[in-house]
Amino acid sequence: MDHAEENEILAATQRYYVERPIFSHPVLQERLHKKDKIPDSIGDKLKQAFTCTPKKIRNIIYMFLPITKWLPAYKFKEYVLGDLVSGISTGVLQLPQGPFAVISLMIGGVAVRLVPDDIVIPGGVNATNGTEARDALRVKVAMSVTLLSGIIQFCLGVCRFGFVAIYLTEPLVRGFTTAAAVHVFTSMLKYLFGVKTKRYSGIFSVVYALG
């Protein structure tokens, strides 16, 4: 009991005093050396935009080619197996369900439009040679379209035109997806039923193909 009473008396007699200077706003600003930020002029902003430094070049490379940033720190033995399995799984699902069929249909439409079935190939001796020359010409057209599409996509990526997808509404995207599915479905009907039909391209090609 005596020990408890001594603790109570000691706690009652203890005091804690805080002594510190009183800061006003000007004094606090002076102590912290905080200065008001002066906005840069247009000339300074242009100068900073066109200034070429190694750090700025490195950041630009990292922005357009992120692989250059994470590849040096990539742990090959630890990550390669999981990345390989996930890549194969994604590729297997992406090929039948992705835009591959739509792109193939679009390129095929361009090839048929530019090189129709009844085109006359110079130098064709017989029907077989004419067909082979026509198919070879269609392959060249498909390769040209693929190359031009890649160049255009690369230029759009450099110009950061991906923000346009933000303004596409969900009903619009669903409409394009449904239309692409209809085109792919109608183009596969002749192979499904084994019927040979004439190829159509342009407006109402789906209606003509079904007719």
N, C-alpha and C. Protein backbone atom coordinates (compact mmCIF):
# COMPACT_ATOMS: atom_id res chain seq x y z
N MET A 1 0.83 -1.20 0.00
CA MET A 1 0.00 0.00 0.00
C MET A 1 0.87 1.25 0.00
N ASP A 2 1.95 1.20 0.79
CA ASP A 2 2.83 2.38 0.86
C ASP A 2 3.45 2.66 -0.50
N HIS A 3 3.80 1.59 -1.19
CA HIS A 3 4.42 1.77 -2.52
C HIS A 3 3.42 2.37 -3.51
N ALA A 4 2.16 1.93 -3.46
CA ALA A 4 1.14 2.48 -4.35
C ALA A 4 0.86 3.93 -4.04
N GLU A 5 0.83 4.28 -2.76
CA GLU A 5 0.60 5.67 -2.38
C GLU A 5 1.74 6.56 -2.83
N GLU A 6 2.96 6.04 -2.74
CA GLU A 6 4.11 6.83 -3.19
C GLU A 6 4.04 7.09 -4.70
N ASN A 7 3.60 6.08 -5.46
CA ASN A 7 3.46 6.27 -6.91
C ASN A 7 2.39 7.29 -7.25
N GLU A 8 1.28 7.28 -6.49
CA GLU A 8 0.22 8.25 -6.74
C GLU A 8 0.69 9.66 -6.41
N ILE A 9 1.42 9.80 -5.32
CA ILE A 9 1.93 11.13 -4.94
C ILE A 9 2.94 11.62 -5.96
N LEU A 10 3.79 10.69 -6.43
CA LEU A 10 4.80 11.07 -7.42
C LEU A 10 4.15 11.48 -8.74
N ALA A 11 3.10 10.74 -9.14
CA ALA A 11 2.40 11.09 -10.38
C ALA A 11 1.66 12.41 -10.26
N ALA A 12 1.17 12.71 -9.07
CA ALA A 12 0.44 13.97 -8.88
C ALA A 12 1.38 15.16 -8.86
N THR A 13 2.60 14.97 -8.43
CA THR A 13 3.54 16.09 -8.33
C THR A 13 4.36 16.29 -9.60
N GLN A 14 4.34 15.34 -10.55
CA GLN A 14 5.13 15.48 -11.77
C GLN A 14 4.45 16.45 -12.74
N ARG A 15 5.26 17.23 -13.40
CA ARG A 15 4.78 18.19 -14.38
C ARG A 15 5.67 18.11 -15.62
N TYR A 16 5.06 18.41 -16.75
CA TYR A 16 5.80 18.40 -18.02
C TYR A 16 5.62 19.77 -18.67
N TYR A 17 6.72 20.44 -18.86
CA TYR A 17 6.69 21.79 -19.41
C TYR A 17 7.27 21.78 -20.83
N VAL A 18 6.60 22.48 -21.73
CA VAL A 18 7.04 22.63 -23.12
C VAL A 18 7.38 24.09 -23.35
N GLU A 19 8.58 24.31 -23.82
CA GLU A 19 9.03 25.67 -24.10
C GLU A 19 9.56 25.72 -25.54
N ARG A 20 8.92 26.50 -26.35
CA ARG A 20 9.33 26.63 -27.74
C ARG A 20 8.98 28.03 -28.24
N PRO A 21 9.69 28.49 -29.24
CA PRO A 21 9.40 29.84 -29.76
C PRO A 21 8.10 29.85 -30.54
N ILE A 22 7.48 30.99 -30.56
CA ILE A 22 6.24 31.18 -31.31
C ILE A 22 6.59 31.66 -32.71
N PHE A 23 6.12 30.92 -33.69
CA PHE A 23 6.42 31.26 -35.08
C PHE A 23 5.22 31.96 -35.72
N SER A 24 5.50 33.02 -36.37
CA SER A 24 4.50 33.66 -37.22
C SER A 24 4.72 33.18 -38.66
N HIS A 25 3.78 33.49 -39.51
CA HIS A 25 3.89 33.02 -40.90
C HIS A 25 5.12 33.58 -41.61
N PRO A 26 5.43 34.88 -41.50
CA PRO A 26 6.66 35.36 -42.17
C PRO A 26 7.93 34.72 -41.63
N VAL A 27 7.97 34.53 -40.29
CA VAL A 27 9.16 33.91 -39.70
C VAL A 27 9.29 32.46 -40.15
N LEU A 28 8.15 31.76 -40.20
CA LEU A 28 8.18 30.36 -40.63
C LEU A 28 8.62 30.24 -42.09
N GLN A 29 8.14 31.15 -42.94
CA GLN A 29 8.56 31.14 -44.34
C GLN A 29 10.06 31.42 -44.47
N GLU A 30 10.54 32.32 -43.62
CA GLU A 30 11.97 32.64 -43.67
C GLU A 30 12.82 31.49 -43.17
N ARG A 31 12.36 30.81 -42.12
CA ARG A 31 13.12 29.68 -41.58
C ARG A 31 13.17 28.52 -42.56
N LEU A 32 12.08 28.27 -43.22
CA LEU A 32 12.02 27.13 -44.15
C LEU A 32 12.54 27.48 -45.53
N HIS A 33 12.86 28.73 -45.76
CA HIS A 33 13.39 29.18 -47.05
C HIS A 33 12.45 28.83 -48.20
N LYS A 34 11.17 28.96 -47.93
CA LYS A 34 10.18 28.66 -48.96
C LYS A 34 9.92 29.90 -49.78
N LYS A 35 10.03 29.74 -51.09
CA LYS A 35 9.82 30.86 -52.00
C LYS A 35 8.63 30.57 -52.90
N ASP A 36 7.94 31.62 -53.24
CA ASP A 36 6.81 31.47 -54.15
C ASP A 36 7.31 31.08 -55.54
N LYS A 37 6.65 30.08 -56.13
CA LYS A 37 7.06 29.60 -57.44
C LYS A 37 6.62 30.57 -58.52
N ILE A 38 7.58 31.00 -59.29
CA ILE A 38 7.31 31.91 -60.39
C ILE A 38 7.04 31.08 -61.64
N PRO A 39 5.90 31.25 -62.28
CA PRO A 39 5.61 30.44 -63.47
C PRO A 39 6.59 30.74 -64.59
N ASP A 40 6.97 29.68 -65.30
CA ASP A 40 7.91 29.84 -66.41
C ASP A 40 7.23 30.52 -67.59
N SER A 41 8.01 31.28 -68.29
CA SER A 41 7.50 31.94 -69.49
C SER A 41 7.42 30.94 -70.64
N ILE A 42 6.79 31.36 -71.72
CA ILE A 42 6.65 30.48 -72.88
C ILE A 42 8.02 30.16 -73.48
N GLY A 43 8.91 31.15 -73.46
CA GLY A 43 10.26 30.91 -73.98
C GLY A 43 11.01 29.88 -73.16
N ASP A 44 10.86 29.95 -71.82
CA ASP A 44 11.53 28.97 -70.96
C ASP A 44 10.95 27.57 -71.17
N LYS A 45 9.63 27.49 -71.34
CA LYS A 45 9.02 26.19 -71.57
C LYS A 45 9.48 25.59 -72.90
N LEU A 46 9.57 26.41 -73.94
CA LEU A 46 10.07 25.92 -75.23
C LEU A 46 11.53 25.50 -75.13
N LYS A 47 12.29 26.25 -74.35
CA LYS A 47 13.70 25.91 -74.17
C LYS A 47 13.85 24.58 -73.46
N GLN A 48 13.02 24.36 -72.42
CA GLN A 48 13.07 23.07 -71.72
C GLN A 48 12.60 21.93 -72.61
N ALA A 49 11.60 22.20 -73.47
CA ALA A 49 11.07 21.14 -74.33
C ALA A 49 12.08 20.71 -75.38
N PHE A 50 12.87 21.65 -75.88
CA PHE A 50 13.82 21.33 -76.94
C PHE A 50 15.24 21.15 -76.43
N THR A 51 15.41 21.13 -75.11
CA THR A 51 16.73 20.86 -74.55
C THR A 51 17.00 19.37 -74.61
N CYS A 52 18.16 19.00 -75.08
CA CYS A 52 18.52 17.59 -75.24
C CYS A 52 19.60 17.24 -74.22
N THR A 53 19.23 16.42 -73.25
CA THR A 53 20.17 15.96 -72.24
C THR A 53 20.15 14.43 -72.22
N PRO A 54 21.22 13.80 -71.75
CA PRO A 54 21.23 12.33 -71.68
C PRO A 54 20.08 11.75 -70.86
N LYS A 55 19.73 12.42 -69.76
CA LYS A 55 18.63 11.93 -68.93
C LYS A 55 17.30 12.02 -69.68
N LYS A 56 17.10 13.11 -70.41
CA LYS A 56 15.85 13.26 -71.16
C LYS A 56 15.76 12.24 -72.28
N ILE A 57 16.87 11.99 -72.96
CA ILE A 57 16.87 10.98 -74.02
C ILE A 57 16.57 9.60 -73.45
N ARG A 58 17.16 9.29 -72.28
CA ARG A 58 16.92 8.00 -71.65
C ARG A 58 15.45 7.85 -71.25
N ASN A 59 14.85 8.91 -70.72
CA ASN A 59 13.43 8.84 -70.34
C ASN A 59 12.53 8.66 -71.55
N ILE A 60 12.89 9.30 -72.67
CA ILE A 60 12.09 9.14 -73.89
C ILE A 60 12.18 7.71 -74.40
N ILE A 61 13.39 7.14 -74.35
CA ILE A 61 13.56 5.75 -74.78
C ILE A 61 12.77 4.81 -73.88
N TYR A 62 12.80 5.05 -72.57
CA TYR A 62 12.03 4.22 -71.64
C TYR A 62 10.53 4.35 -71.90
N MET A 63 10.07 5.53 -72.31
CA MET A 63 8.64 5.75 -72.53
C MET A 63 8.16 5.01 -73.77
N PHE A 64 8.94 5.05 -74.86
CA PHE A 64 8.52 4.41 -76.10
C PHE A 64 8.92 2.94 -76.16
N LEU A 65 9.98 2.56 -75.48
CA LEU A 65 10.45 1.17 -75.46
C LEU A 65 10.63 0.73 -74.01
N PRO A 66 9.56 0.39 -73.31
CA PRO A 66 9.69 0.00 -71.90
C PRO A 66 10.58 -1.22 -71.69
N ILE A 67 10.74 -2.04 -72.73
CA ILE A 67 11.56 -3.24 -72.58
C ILE A 67 13.01 -2.89 -72.25
N THR A 68 13.48 -1.74 -72.72
CA THR A 68 14.86 -1.33 -72.42
C THR A 68 15.06 -1.00 -70.95
N LYS A 69 13.97 -0.79 -70.23
CA LYS A 69 14.09 -0.47 -68.80
C LYS A 69 14.07 -1.72 -67.94
N TRP A 70 13.16 -2.66 -68.25
CA TRP A 70 13.04 -3.83 -67.37
C TRP A 70 13.86 -5.02 -67.84
N LEU A 71 14.28 -5.05 -69.11
CA LEU A 71 15.02 -6.20 -69.59
C LEU A 71 16.38 -6.37 -68.91
N PRO A 72 17.16 -5.30 -68.66
CA PRO A 72 18.44 -5.51 -67.97
C PRO A 72 18.29 -6.10 -66.57
N ALA A 73 17.15 -5.83 -65.90
CA ALA A 73 16.93 -6.37 -64.56
C ALA A 73 16.09 -7.64 -64.56
N TYR A 74 15.86 -8.22 -65.74
CA TYR A 74 15.03 -9.42 -65.84
C TYR A 74 15.78 -10.64 -65.32
N LYS A 75 15.15 -11.37 -64.40
CA LYS A 75 15.74 -12.58 -63.84
C LYS A 75 15.33 -13.76 -64.72
N PHE A 76 16.22 -14.15 -65.62
CA PHE A 76 15.87 -15.13 -66.65
C PHE A 76 15.50 -16.48 -66.04
N LYS A 77 16.32 -17.00 -65.17
CA LYS A 77 16.08 -18.34 -64.61
C LYS A 77 14.82 -18.38 -63.76
N GLU A 78 14.48 -17.26 -63.14
CA GLU A 78 13.34 -17.23 -62.23
C GLU A 78 12.01 -16.98 -62.95
N TYR A 79 12.05 -16.21 -64.02
CA TYR A 79 10.81 -15.78 -64.66
C TYR A 79 10.51 -16.46 -66.00
N VAL A 80 11.51 -17.09 -66.63
CA VAL A 80 11.33 -17.51 -68.02
C VAL A 80 10.27 -18.61 -68.15
N LEU A 81 10.19 -19.54 -67.19
CA LEU A 81 9.23 -20.63 -67.31
C LEU A 81 7.80 -20.11 -67.22
N GLY A 82 7.53 -19.30 -66.21
CA GLY A 82 6.17 -18.75 -66.07
C GLY A 82 5.78 -17.85 -67.23
N ASP A 83 6.72 -17.03 -67.71
CA ASP A 83 6.41 -16.16 -68.84
C ASP A 83 6.18 -16.96 -70.11
N LEU A 84 6.92 -18.06 -70.28
CA LEU A 84 6.73 -18.90 -71.46
C LEU A 84 5.36 -19.56 -71.46
N VAL A 85 4.95 -20.10 -70.31
CA VAL A 85 3.64 -20.74 -70.21
C VAL A 85 2.52 -19.72 -70.42
N SER A 86 2.63 -18.56 -69.79
CA SER A 86 1.59 -17.54 -69.96
C SER A 86 1.55 -17.02 -71.39
N GLY A 87 2.71 -16.90 -72.04
CA GLY A 87 2.73 -16.45 -73.43
C GLY A 87 2.07 -17.44 -74.37
N ILE A 88 2.34 -18.73 -74.16
CA ILE A 88 1.71 -19.75 -75.00
C ILE A 88 0.20 -19.78 -74.76
N SER A 89 -0.22 -19.68 -73.50
CA SER A 89 -1.66 -19.70 -73.19
C SER A 89 -2.36 -18.49 -73.81
N THR A 90 -1.74 -17.32 -73.69
CA THR A 90 -2.34 -16.12 -74.28
C THR A 90 -2.40 -16.22 -75.80
N GLY A 91 -1.35 -16.77 -76.41
CA GLY A 91 -1.35 -16.91 -77.87
C GLY A 91 -2.40 -17.88 -78.36
N VAL A 92 -2.59 -18.98 -77.64
CA VAL A 92 -3.61 -19.96 -78.03
C VAL A 92 -5.01 -19.36 -77.96
N LEU A 93 -5.26 -18.53 -76.94
CA LEU A 93 -6.57 -17.91 -76.82
C LEU A 93 -6.73 -16.71 -77.75
N GLN A 94 -5.64 -16.00 -77.99
CA GLN A 94 -5.71 -14.79 -78.81
C GLN A 94 -5.93 -15.09 -80.28
N LEU A 95 -5.39 -16.21 -80.76
CA LEU A 95 -5.48 -16.51 -82.19
C LEU A 95 -6.92 -16.74 -82.64
N PRO A 96 -7.71 -17.60 -81.95
CA PRO A 96 -9.09 -17.78 -82.44
C PRO A 96 -10.05 -16.69 -81.98
N GLN A 97 -9.79 -16.06 -80.83
CA GLN A 97 -10.73 -15.11 -80.27
C GLN A 97 -10.33 -13.66 -80.50
N GLY A 98 -9.13 -13.42 -80.95
CA GLY A 98 -8.66 -12.06 -81.15
C GLY A 98 -9.06 -11.50 -82.51
N PRO A 99 -8.42 -10.40 -82.89
CA PRO A 99 -8.77 -9.75 -84.17
C PRO A 99 -8.11 -10.37 -85.38
N PHE A 100 -7.49 -11.55 -85.23
CA PHE A 100 -6.78 -12.16 -86.35
C PHE A 100 -7.72 -12.46 -87.51
N ALA A 101 -8.90 -13.01 -87.20
CA ALA A 101 -9.85 -13.35 -88.27
C ALA A 101 -10.35 -12.11 -88.98
N VAL A 102 -10.61 -11.05 -88.23
CA VAL A 102 -11.10 -9.81 -88.84
C VAL A 102 -10.03 -9.20 -89.74
N ILE A 103 -8.80 -9.19 -89.27
CA ILE A 103 -7.70 -8.63 -90.07
C ILE A 103 -7.50 -9.44 -91.34
N SER A 104 -7.56 -10.77 -91.21
CA SER A 104 -7.41 -11.62 -92.40
C SER A 104 -8.52 -11.36 -93.40
N LEU A 105 -9.74 -11.19 -92.90
CA LEU A 105 -10.87 -10.92 -93.79
C LEU A 105 -10.71 -9.58 -94.50
N MET A 106 -10.24 -8.56 -93.78
CA MET A 106 -10.05 -7.24 -94.38
C MET A 106 -8.96 -7.27 -95.45
N ILE A 107 -7.85 -7.93 -95.13
CA ILE A 107 -6.76 -8.02 -96.12
C ILE A 107 -7.20 -8.84 -97.32
N GLY A 108 -7.96 -9.91 -97.08
CA GLY A 108 -8.47 -10.70 -98.19
C GLY A 108 -9.41 -9.90 -99.08
N GLY A 109 -10.23 -9.04 -98.46
CA GLY A 109 -11.11 -8.19 -99.25
C GLY A 109 -10.35 -7.21 -100.14
N VAL A 110 -9.27 -6.65 -99.60
CA VAL A 110 -8.44 -5.74 -100.41
C VAL A 110 -7.79 -6.49 -101.56
N ALA A 111 -7.28 -7.69 -101.28
CA ALA A 111 -6.62 -8.48 -102.33
C ALA A 111 -7.60 -8.85 -103.43
N VAL A 112 -8.82 -9.24 -103.07
CA VAL A 112 -9.82 -9.61 -104.08
C VAL A 112 -10.27 -8.38 -104.87
N ARG A 113 -10.37 -7.23 -104.21
CA ARG A 113 -10.80 -6.03 -104.90
C ARG A 113 -9.75 -5.56 -105.92
N LEU A 114 -8.48 -5.62 -105.54
CA LEU A 114 -7.43 -5.16 -106.44
C LEU A 114 -7.05 -6.21 -107.48
N VAL A 115 -7.18 -7.48 -107.11
CA VAL A 115 -6.85 -8.56 -108.05
C VAL A 115 -8.06 -9.49 -108.13
N PRO A 116 -9.07 -9.15 -108.91
CA PRO A 116 -10.28 -9.99 -108.99
C PRO A 116 -10.00 -11.30 -109.71
N ASP A 117 -11.01 -12.18 -109.68
CA ASP A 117 -10.84 -13.50 -110.30
C ASP A 117 -10.72 -13.43 -111.82
N ASP A 118 -11.38 -12.46 -112.43
CA ASP A 118 -11.38 -12.38 -113.89
C ASP A 118 -10.29 -11.46 -114.44
N ILE A 119 -9.27 -11.19 -113.64
CA ILE A 119 -8.20 -10.33 -114.11
C ILE A 119 -7.36 -11.09 -115.14
N VAL A 120 -6.86 -10.35 -116.12
CA VAL A 120 -6.02 -10.93 -117.16
C VAL A 120 -4.56 -10.69 -116.79
N ILE A 121 -3.82 -11.76 -116.54
CA ILE A 121 -2.41 -11.66 -116.18
C ILE A 121 -1.57 -11.74 -117.45
N PRO A 122 -0.76 -10.74 -117.74
CA PRO A 122 0.08 -10.83 -118.93
C PRO A 122 1.08 -11.98 -118.82
N GLY A 123 1.24 -12.70 -119.90
CA GLY A 123 2.21 -13.80 -119.91
C GLY A 123 1.62 -15.12 -119.51
N GLY A 124 0.32 -15.17 -119.18
CA GLY A 124 -0.30 -16.43 -118.78
C GLY A 124 -0.61 -17.29 -120.00
N VAL A 125 0.01 -18.44 -120.10
CA VAL A 125 -0.18 -19.32 -121.26
C VAL A 125 -1.48 -20.08 -121.15
N ASN A 126 -1.74 -20.63 -119.97
CA ASN A 126 -2.96 -21.40 -119.78
C ASN A 126 -3.63 -20.96 -118.49
N ALA A 127 -4.75 -21.66 -118.17
CA ALA A 127 -5.52 -21.28 -116.99
C ALA A 127 -4.74 -21.51 -115.70
N THR A 128 -3.94 -22.58 -115.68
CA THR A 128 -3.17 -22.88 -114.46
C THR A 128 -2.15 -21.80 -114.18
N ASN A 129 -1.41 -21.41 -115.23
CA ASN A 129 -0.43 -20.36 -115.04
C ASN A 129 -1.08 -19.03 -114.67
N GLY A 130 -2.26 -18.76 -115.28
CA GLY A 130 -2.97 -17.53 -114.94
C GLY A 130 -3.43 -17.53 -113.50
N THR A 131 -3.90 -18.67 -113.00
CA THR A 131 -4.33 -18.76 -111.61
C THR A 131 -3.16 -18.60 -110.66
N GLU A 132 -2.04 -19.23 -110.98
CA GLU A 132 -0.86 -19.10 -110.12
C GLU A 132 -0.35 -17.66 -110.11
N ALA A 133 -0.35 -17.02 -111.27
CA ALA A 133 0.09 -15.62 -111.32
C ALA A 133 -0.86 -14.71 -110.55
N ARG A 134 -2.17 -15.00 -110.64
CA ARG A 134 -3.15 -14.21 -109.90
C ARG A 134 -2.95 -14.38 -108.40
N ASP A 135 -2.76 -15.61 -107.94
CA ASP A 135 -2.54 -15.85 -106.51
C ASP A 135 -1.25 -15.20 -106.03
N ALA A 136 -0.21 -15.27 -106.87
CA ALA A 136 1.06 -14.63 -106.49
C ALA A 136 0.89 -13.12 -106.38
N LEU A 137 0.10 -12.54 -107.27
CA LEU A 137 -0.15 -11.10 -107.21
C LEU A 137 -0.96 -10.73 -105.98
N ARG A 138 -1.90 -11.59 -105.60
CA ARG A 138 -2.67 -11.34 -104.38
C ARG A 138 -1.79 -11.41 -103.14
N VAL A 139 -0.84 -12.32 -103.15
CA VAL A 139 0.10 -12.40 -102.03
C VAL A 139 0.92 -11.12 -101.92
N LYS A 140 1.34 -10.59 -103.06
CA LYS A 140 2.10 -9.33 -103.05
C LYS A 140 1.24 -8.18 -102.52
N VAL A 141 -0.03 -8.16 -102.91
CA VAL A 141 -0.93 -7.12 -102.41
C VAL A 141 -1.11 -7.24 -100.90
N ALA A 142 -1.29 -8.47 -100.41
CA ALA A 142 -1.44 -8.68 -98.97
C ALA A 142 -0.19 -8.26 -98.21
N MET A 143 0.98 -8.57 -98.76
CA MET A 143 2.23 -8.17 -98.11
C MET A 143 2.37 -6.65 -98.09
N SER A 144 1.98 -6.00 -99.17
CA SER A 144 2.06 -4.53 -99.23
C SER A 144 1.12 -3.89 -98.22
N VAL A 145 -0.11 -4.42 -98.13
CA VAL A 145 -1.08 -3.89 -97.16
C VAL A 145 -0.59 -4.09 -95.74
N THR A 146 -0.01 -5.26 -95.47
CA THR A 146 0.51 -5.55 -94.12
C THR A 146 1.64 -4.60 -93.76
N LEU A 147 2.56 -4.36 -94.71
CA LEU A 147 3.67 -3.46 -94.45
C LEU A 147 3.19 -2.03 -94.21
N LEU A 148 2.27 -1.55 -95.05
CA LEU A 148 1.74 -0.20 -94.88
C LEU A 148 0.98 -0.06 -93.56
N SER A 149 0.22 -1.09 -93.19
CA SER A 149 -0.51 -1.06 -91.92
C SER A 149 0.45 -0.98 -90.75
N GLY A 150 1.54 -1.75 -90.81
CA GLY A 150 2.54 -1.69 -89.75
C GLY A 150 3.19 -0.33 -89.64
N ILE A 151 3.52 0.28 -90.78
CA ILE A 151 4.13 1.61 -90.77
C ILE A 151 3.17 2.64 -90.19
N ILE A 152 1.90 2.57 -90.59
CA ILE A 152 0.90 3.51 -90.07
C ILE A 152 0.71 3.33 -88.57
N GLN A 153 0.63 2.08 -88.10
CA GLN A 153 0.47 1.84 -86.67
C GLN A 153 1.69 2.31 -85.89
N PHE A 154 2.87 2.14 -86.45
CA PHE A 154 4.08 2.61 -85.78
C PHE A 154 4.07 4.13 -85.66
N CYS A 155 3.68 4.81 -86.73
CA CYS A 155 3.63 6.28 -86.69
C CYS A 155 2.57 6.76 -85.69
N LEU A 156 1.42 6.10 -85.66
CA LEU A 156 0.38 6.48 -84.69
C LEU A 156 0.85 6.23 -83.26
N GLY A 157 1.60 5.15 -83.05
CA GLY A 157 2.14 4.89 -81.71
C GLY A 157 3.16 5.92 -81.29
N VAL A 158 4.01 6.35 -82.21
CA VAL A 158 4.99 7.39 -81.89
C VAL A 158 4.30 8.70 -81.57
N CYS A 159 3.22 9.00 -82.29
CA CYS A 159 2.47 10.24 -82.05
C CYS A 159 1.51 10.12 -80.87
N ARG A 160 1.47 8.97 -80.20
CA ARG A 160 0.63 8.76 -79.01
C ARG A 160 -0.85 8.96 -79.33
N PHE A 161 -1.31 8.34 -80.41
CA PHE A 161 -2.70 8.46 -80.80
C PHE A 161 -3.60 7.44 -80.11
N GLY A 162 -3.06 6.72 -79.15
CA GLY A 162 -3.89 5.74 -78.45
C GLY A 162 -4.99 6.35 -77.61
N PHE A 163 -4.87 7.67 -77.32
CA PHE A 163 -5.88 8.32 -76.49
C PHE A 163 -7.24 8.38 -77.20
N VAL A 164 -7.26 8.19 -78.52
CA VAL A 164 -8.53 8.26 -79.26
C VAL A 164 -9.47 7.16 -78.79
N ALA A 165 -8.91 6.02 -78.36
CA ALA A 165 -9.76 4.91 -77.90
C ALA A 165 -10.56 5.28 -76.66
N ILE A 166 -10.10 6.28 -75.91
CA ILE A 166 -10.83 6.69 -74.71
C ILE A 166 -12.19 7.27 -75.08
N TYR A 167 -12.28 7.93 -76.21
CA TYR A 167 -13.51 8.61 -76.61
C TYR A 167 -14.48 7.69 -77.35
N LEU A 168 -14.10 6.44 -77.56
CA LEU A 168 -15.02 5.49 -78.18
C LEU A 168 -15.96 4.93 -77.13
N THR A 169 -17.24 5.13 -77.30
CA THR A 169 -18.20 4.66 -76.32
C THR A 169 -18.35 3.14 -76.41
N GLU A 170 -18.88 2.57 -75.34
CA GLU A 170 -19.05 1.12 -75.30
C GLU A 170 -20.05 0.61 -76.34
N PRO A 171 -21.19 1.28 -76.58
CA PRO A 171 -22.08 0.81 -77.66
C PRO A 171 -21.41 0.83 -79.03
N LEU A 172 -20.56 1.83 -79.28
CA LEU A 172 -19.86 1.89 -80.57
C LEU A 172 -18.91 0.71 -80.73
N VAL A 173 -18.16 0.41 -79.67
CA VAL A 173 -17.23 -0.71 -79.72
C VAL A 173 -17.98 -2.02 -79.90
N ARG A 174 -19.10 -2.17 -79.20
CA ARG A 174 -19.89 -3.40 -79.34
C ARG A 174 -20.47 -3.52 -80.75
N GLY A 175 -20.87 -2.40 -81.34
CA GLY A 175 -21.39 -2.43 -82.70
C GLY A 175 -20.33 -2.88 -83.70
N PHE A 176 -19.12 -2.34 -83.57
CA PHE A 176 -18.04 -2.77 -84.46
C PHE A 176 -17.71 -4.25 -84.25
N THR A 177 -17.71 -4.69 -83.00
CA THR A 177 -17.41 -6.10 -82.72
C THR A 177 -18.47 -7.02 -83.32
N THR A 178 -19.74 -6.64 -83.18
CA THR A 178 -20.82 -7.45 -83.75
C THR A 178 -20.74 -7.48 -85.28
N ALA A 179 -20.47 -6.33 -85.88
CA ALA A 179 -20.35 -6.28 -87.34
C ALA A 179 -19.19 -7.14 -87.84
N ALA A 180 -18.08 -7.10 -87.12
CA ALA A 180 -16.94 -7.94 -87.51
C ALA A 180 -17.29 -9.42 -87.39
N ALA A 181 -18.03 -9.78 -86.33
CA ALA A 181 -18.43 -11.18 -86.17
C ALA A 181 -19.36 -11.62 -87.30
N VAL A 182 -20.26 -10.74 -87.73
CA VAL A 182 -21.16 -11.07 -88.84
C VAL A 182 -20.38 -11.28 -90.13
N HIS A 183 -19.40 -10.43 -90.38
CA HIS A 183 -18.58 -10.57 -91.58
C HIS A 183 -17.82 -11.90 -91.58
N VAL A 184 -17.23 -12.21 -90.44
CA VAL A 184 -16.46 -13.46 -90.36
C VAL A 184 -17.39 -14.66 -90.51
N PHE A 185 -18.56 -14.61 -89.89
CA PHE A 185 -19.50 -15.73 -89.95
C PHE A 185 -19.98 -15.96 -91.38
N THR A 186 -20.35 -14.90 -92.08
CA THR A 186 -20.84 -15.06 -93.45
C THR A 186 -19.74 -15.51 -94.40
N SER A 187 -18.51 -15.11 -94.13
CA SER A 187 -17.41 -15.54 -95.00
C SER A 187 -17.07 -17.02 -94.81
N MET A 188 -17.45 -17.58 -93.65
CA MET A 188 -17.16 -18.99 -93.39
C MET A 188 -18.29 -19.93 -93.81
N LEU A 189 -19.45 -19.37 -94.17
CA LEU A 189 -20.59 -20.23 -94.51
C LEU A 189 -20.31 -21.10 -95.74
N LYS A 190 -19.67 -20.53 -96.75
CA LYS A 190 -19.43 -21.31 -97.96
C LYS A 190 -18.48 -22.47 -97.71
N TYR A 191 -17.54 -22.30 -96.80
CA TYR A 191 -16.65 -23.42 -96.45
C TYR A 191 -17.37 -24.43 -95.57
N LEU A 192 -18.32 -23.95 -94.77
CA LEU A 192 -19.06 -24.85 -93.89
C LEU A 192 -19.99 -25.78 -94.68
N PHE A 193 -20.67 -25.24 -95.69
CA PHE A 193 -21.61 -26.02 -96.49
C PHE A 193 -21.01 -26.53 -97.79
N GLY A 194 -19.76 -26.19 -98.07
CA GLY A 194 -19.13 -26.66 -99.29
C GLY A 194 -19.71 -26.07 -100.55
N VAL A 195 -20.15 -24.84 -100.49
CA VAL A 195 -20.76 -24.17 -101.64
C VAL A 195 -19.79 -23.14 -102.19
N LYS A 196 -19.62 -23.14 -103.50
CA LYS A 196 -18.75 -22.16 -104.14
C LYS A 196 -19.57 -20.95 -104.57
N THR A 197 -19.21 -19.83 -104.05
CA THR A 197 -19.91 -18.59 -104.38
C THR A 197 -18.92 -17.56 -104.91
N LYS A 198 -19.45 -16.59 -105.57
CA LYS A 198 -18.61 -15.52 -106.09
C LYS A 198 -18.21 -14.59 -104.96
N ARG A 199 -17.01 -14.10 -105.03
CA ARG A 199 -16.52 -13.20 -103.99
C ARG A 199 -17.01 -11.77 -104.27
N TYR A 200 -17.41 -11.12 -103.20
CA TYR A 200 -17.87 -9.74 -103.30
C TYR A 200 -17.05 -8.89 -102.34
N SER A 201 -16.93 -7.64 -102.69
CA SER A 201 -16.24 -6.69 -101.84
C SER A 201 -16.92 -5.34 -101.95
N GLY A 202 -16.78 -4.53 -100.93
CA GLY A 202 -17.40 -3.22 -100.94
C GLY A 202 -18.68 -3.20 -100.13
N ILE A 203 -19.54 -2.24 -100.45
CA ILE A 203 -20.79 -2.06 -99.71
C ILE A 203 -21.75 -3.21 -100.02
N PHE A 204 -22.46 -3.67 -98.99
CA PHE A 204 -23.45 -4.75 -99.09
C PHE A 204 -22.82 -6.06 -99.55
N SER A 205 -21.55 -6.24 -99.29
CA SER A 205 -20.91 -7.51 -99.68
C SER A 205 -21.47 -8.68 -98.89
N VAL A 206 -21.87 -8.44 -97.64
CA VAL A 206 -22.46 -9.51 -96.83
C VAL A 206 -23.80 -9.94 -97.42
N VAL A 207 -24.61 -8.98 -97.84
CA VAL A 207 -25.93 -9.30 -98.42
C VAL A 207 -25.75 -10.05 -99.73
N TYR A 208 -24.81 -9.61 -100.56
CA TYR A 208 -24.58 -10.30 -101.83
C TYR A 208 -24.04 -11.71 -101.61
N ALA A 209 -23.20 -11.89 -100.59
CA ALA A 209 -22.66 -13.22 -100.31
C ALA A 209 -23.75 -14.18 -99.85
N LEU A 210 -24.72 -13.68 -99.07
CA LEU A 210 -25.82 -14.53 -98.62
C LEU A 210 -26.80 -14.80 -99.75
N GLY A 211 -26.90 -13.89 -100.71
CA GLY A 211 -27.83 -14.08 -101.81
C GLY A 211 -27.31 -15.04 -102.84
